[in-house]
Every structure is written in structure tokens, then in C-alpha cells.
Amino acid sequence: MVKQPLDLRRLSLVELIYVKIRNNRELQGRLYAYDQHLNVILGDIYKATKQNIPMLFVQGDGVVLVAPPLRVG
């Protein structure tokens, strides 16, 4: 059950998530780790530019939104 903001991410470990970062950049990937500063480590990333990135560290001060993956269609 989700009671606090970080609970959703805790339930999402190794699940696909959507991350929006500064400058209107968007990422989708598997959440492998995070901390209280919203630093996240994503794997199997699919970026809007259609680049496949195996693993990426995203610094928390650039994160705007963390959510379940967007469903289009």
C-alpha cells in the first residue's frame, strides 16, 4: 500500500518506470536503485531519441517526475 511518496518507488524496484528530467528529457527504464535525494540508477533504458542505454545514473536534483511508464494508445 502506498502511504508516502517514496513507497511507490519501493514497490517499483526492477519494474519499468518513466522519469522526466530537466530540459524536457524523458527516460523509461528499469529502476535498480534510488536514495532519499531521488538519485536513481536505471537499467535497460529507452530514451525518447530511441537510444538503448544499458545502465544510467540520474542525479536527483535533475529529476522532475518519477511515474509508472506512460501507456500510449
N, C-alpha and C. Protein backbone atom coordinates (compact mmCIF):
# COMPACT_ATOMS: atom_id res chain seq x y z
N MET A 1 0.84 -1.18 0.00
CA MET A 1 0.00 0.00 0.00
C MET A 1 0.89 1.25 0.00
N VAL A 2 0.55 2.22 -0.82
CA VAL A 2 1.33 3.45 -0.94
C VAL A 2 0.81 4.47 0.06
N LYS A 3 1.67 4.85 1.03
CA LYS A 3 1.28 5.85 2.03
C LYS A 3 2.12 7.11 1.92
N GLN A 4 3.35 6.98 1.42
CA GLN A 4 4.24 8.12 1.27
C GLN A 4 4.83 8.11 -0.13
N PRO A 5 5.32 9.25 -0.62
CA PRO A 5 5.82 9.34 -2.00
C PRO A 5 6.88 8.30 -2.37
N LEU A 6 7.80 7.99 -1.47
CA LEU A 6 8.85 7.04 -1.81
C LEU A 6 8.35 5.60 -1.83
N ASP A 7 7.17 5.33 -1.28
CA ASP A 7 6.62 3.98 -1.28
C ASP A 7 6.36 3.47 -2.69
N LEU A 8 5.90 4.32 -3.59
CA LEU A 8 5.63 3.88 -4.96
C LEU A 8 6.91 3.39 -5.61
N ARG A 9 8.01 4.10 -5.41
CA ARG A 9 9.27 3.66 -5.98
C ARG A 9 9.74 2.36 -5.34
N ARG A 10 9.52 2.21 -4.05
CA ARG A 10 9.94 0.99 -3.37
C ARG A 10 9.23 -0.21 -3.98
N LEU A 11 7.97 -0.05 -4.32
CA LEU A 11 7.21 -1.12 -4.96
C LEU A 11 7.64 -1.33 -6.40
N SER A 12 8.33 -0.36 -6.98
CA SER A 12 8.69 -0.40 -8.40
C SER A 12 10.09 -0.91 -8.67
N LEU A 13 10.82 -1.39 -7.67
CA LEU A 13 12.18 -1.87 -7.92
C LEU A 13 12.16 -2.97 -8.97
N VAL A 14 13.02 -2.86 -9.94
CA VAL A 14 13.19 -3.75 -11.09
C VAL A 14 11.95 -3.72 -12.01
N GLU A 15 11.07 -2.78 -11.82
CA GLU A 15 9.92 -2.58 -12.70
C GLU A 15 10.25 -1.44 -13.66
N LEU A 16 9.54 -1.39 -14.77
CA LEU A 16 9.70 -0.27 -15.70
C LEU A 16 9.11 0.99 -15.08
N ILE A 17 9.83 2.10 -15.19
CA ILE A 17 9.31 3.39 -14.72
C ILE A 17 9.62 4.46 -15.77
N TYR A 18 8.93 5.57 -15.64
CA TYR A 18 9.11 6.74 -16.50
C TYR A 18 9.75 7.82 -15.65
N VAL A 19 10.81 8.43 -16.14
CA VAL A 19 11.49 9.51 -15.41
C VAL A 19 11.60 10.72 -16.33
N LYS A 20 11.09 11.85 -15.86
CA LYS A 20 11.24 13.10 -16.61
C LYS A 20 12.30 13.91 -15.89
N ILE A 21 13.28 14.40 -16.66
CA ILE A 21 14.35 15.19 -16.07
C ILE A 21 14.37 16.57 -16.72
N ARG A 22 15.23 17.44 -16.19
CA ARG A 22 15.30 18.82 -16.70
C ARG A 22 15.46 18.86 -18.21
N ASN A 23 15.14 20.01 -18.78
CA ASN A 23 15.25 20.27 -20.22
C ASN A 23 14.34 19.37 -21.04
N ASN A 24 13.19 19.00 -20.47
CA ASN A 24 12.18 18.18 -21.15
C ASN A 24 12.72 16.86 -21.68
N ARG A 25 13.65 16.27 -20.99
CA ARG A 25 14.16 14.95 -21.38
C ARG A 25 13.36 13.88 -20.65
N GLU A 26 13.13 12.78 -21.34
CA GLU A 26 12.33 11.70 -20.79
C GLU A 26 13.07 10.39 -20.94
N LEU A 27 12.98 9.56 -19.90
CA LEU A 27 13.61 8.24 -19.92
C LEU A 27 12.59 7.21 -19.47
N GLN A 28 12.74 6.01 -19.98
CA GLN A 28 11.97 4.88 -19.50
C GLN A 28 12.95 3.75 -19.28
N GLY A 29 12.88 3.10 -18.13
CA GLY A 29 13.80 2.02 -17.86
C GLY A 29 13.43 1.29 -16.58
N ARG A 30 14.25 0.32 -16.23
CA ARG A 30 14.02 -0.45 -15.01
C ARG A 30 14.73 0.23 -13.84
N LEU A 31 14.02 0.39 -12.75
CA LEU A 31 14.57 1.02 -11.56
C LEU A 31 15.36 -0.01 -10.76
N TYR A 32 16.67 0.22 -10.62
CA TYR A 32 17.51 -0.71 -9.87
C TYR A 32 17.87 -0.19 -8.49
N ALA A 33 17.97 1.12 -8.32
CA ALA A 33 18.31 1.68 -7.01
C ALA A 33 17.89 3.14 -6.96
N TYR A 34 17.71 3.64 -5.74
CA TYR A 34 17.37 5.04 -5.52
C TYR A 34 17.74 5.40 -4.09
N ASP A 35 17.78 6.69 -3.79
CA ASP A 35 18.01 7.12 -2.42
C ASP A 35 17.08 8.28 -2.09
N GLN A 36 17.23 8.82 -0.88
CA GLN A 36 16.33 9.86 -0.40
C GLN A 36 16.47 11.17 -1.17
N HIS A 37 17.56 11.33 -1.93
CA HIS A 37 17.78 12.54 -2.72
C HIS A 37 17.22 12.40 -4.13
N LEU A 38 16.58 11.27 -4.40
CA LEU A 38 15.99 10.96 -5.71
C LEU A 38 17.05 10.67 -6.77
N ASN A 39 18.28 10.37 -6.34
CA ASN A 39 19.26 9.82 -7.28
C ASN A 39 18.75 8.44 -7.66
N VAL A 40 18.76 8.11 -8.93
CA VAL A 40 18.26 6.81 -9.36
C VAL A 40 19.26 6.14 -10.30
N ILE A 41 19.27 4.83 -10.25
CA ILE A 41 20.03 4.03 -11.21
C ILE A 41 19.01 3.26 -12.03
N LEU A 42 19.04 3.50 -13.33
CA LEU A 42 18.12 2.85 -14.26
C LEU A 42 18.91 1.90 -15.15
N GLY A 43 18.27 0.82 -15.52
CA GLY A 43 18.85 -0.12 -16.47
C GLY A 43 17.89 -0.35 -17.61
N ASP A 44 18.39 -0.90 -18.71
CA ASP A 44 17.57 -1.18 -19.90
C ASP A 44 16.79 0.06 -20.31
N ILE A 45 17.48 1.18 -20.41
CA ILE A 45 16.83 2.47 -20.67
C ILE A 45 16.47 2.63 -22.12
N TYR A 46 15.27 3.15 -22.33
CA TYR A 46 14.82 3.50 -23.67
C TYR A 46 14.53 4.99 -23.64
N LYS A 47 15.32 5.77 -24.34
CA LYS A 47 15.21 7.22 -24.34
C LYS A 47 14.32 7.66 -25.50
N ALA A 48 13.77 8.84 -25.41
CA ALA A 48 12.90 9.37 -26.47
C ALA A 48 13.62 9.44 -27.82
N THR A 49 14.95 9.50 -27.80
CA THR A 49 15.70 9.53 -29.05
C THR A 49 15.95 8.13 -29.59
N LYS A 50 15.34 7.15 -28.96
CA LYS A 50 15.42 5.75 -29.37
C LYS A 50 16.82 5.15 -29.23
N GLN A 51 17.60 5.67 -28.30
CA GLN A 51 18.90 5.09 -27.98
C GLN A 51 18.70 4.07 -26.87
N ASN A 52 19.33 2.94 -26.98
CA ASN A 52 19.30 1.96 -25.89
C ASN A 52 20.55 2.14 -25.04
N ILE A 53 20.35 2.37 -23.75
CA ILE A 53 21.45 2.59 -22.81
C ILE A 53 21.36 1.49 -21.76
N PRO A 54 22.42 0.70 -21.55
CA PRO A 54 22.33 -0.43 -20.63
C PRO A 54 22.16 -0.03 -19.16
N MET A 55 22.85 1.02 -18.68
CA MET A 55 22.76 1.43 -17.28
C MET A 55 23.06 2.91 -17.19
N LEU A 56 22.32 3.63 -16.32
CA LEU A 56 22.49 5.07 -16.23
C LEU A 56 22.23 5.54 -14.81
N PHE A 57 23.08 6.44 -14.32
CA PHE A 57 22.87 7.11 -13.04
C PHE A 57 22.25 8.47 -13.34
N VAL A 58 21.13 8.77 -12.69
CA VAL A 58 20.46 10.06 -12.87
C VAL A 58 20.53 10.80 -11.54
N GLN A 59 21.16 11.96 -11.54
CA GLN A 59 21.30 12.75 -10.31
C GLN A 59 19.96 13.32 -9.90
N GLY A 60 19.65 13.22 -8.62
CA GLY A 60 18.34 13.59 -8.11
C GLY A 60 17.93 15.03 -8.31
N ASP A 61 18.87 15.97 -8.33
CA ASP A 61 18.47 17.36 -8.47
C ASP A 61 17.97 17.69 -9.87
N GLY A 62 18.13 16.77 -10.82
CA GLY A 62 17.61 16.99 -12.17
C GLY A 62 16.30 16.29 -12.43
N VAL A 63 15.84 15.48 -11.47
CA VAL A 63 14.61 14.71 -11.65
C VAL A 63 13.39 15.59 -11.40
N VAL A 64 12.48 15.58 -12.35
CA VAL A 64 11.24 16.35 -12.23
C VAL A 64 10.08 15.44 -11.85
N LEU A 65 10.05 14.22 -12.40
CA LEU A 65 8.91 13.32 -12.20
C LEU A 65 9.36 11.87 -12.29
N VAL A 66 8.85 11.04 -11.39
CA VAL A 66 9.03 9.59 -11.46
C VAL A 66 7.63 8.99 -11.42
N ALA A 67 7.32 8.14 -12.41
CA ALA A 67 5.97 7.59 -12.51
C ALA A 67 6.02 6.22 -13.18
N PRO A 68 4.92 5.46 -13.08
CA PRO A 68 4.84 4.24 -13.88
C PRO A 68 4.96 4.62 -15.35
N PRO A 69 5.37 3.68 -16.22
CA PRO A 69 5.54 4.03 -17.63
C PRO A 69 4.25 4.56 -18.25
N LEU A 70 4.40 5.52 -19.15
CA LEU A 70 3.24 6.07 -19.84
C LEU A 70 2.72 5.04 -20.83
N ARG A 71 1.43 4.89 -20.87
CA ARG A 71 0.83 3.95 -21.81
C ARG A 71 0.20 4.76 -22.93
N VAL A 72 0.65 4.51 -24.14
CA VAL A 72 0.16 5.25 -25.30
C VAL A 72 -0.71 4.32 -26.12
N GLY A 73 -1.87 4.84 -26.56
CA GLY A 73 -2.74 4.02 -27.41
C GLY A 73 -3.91 3.64 -26.71
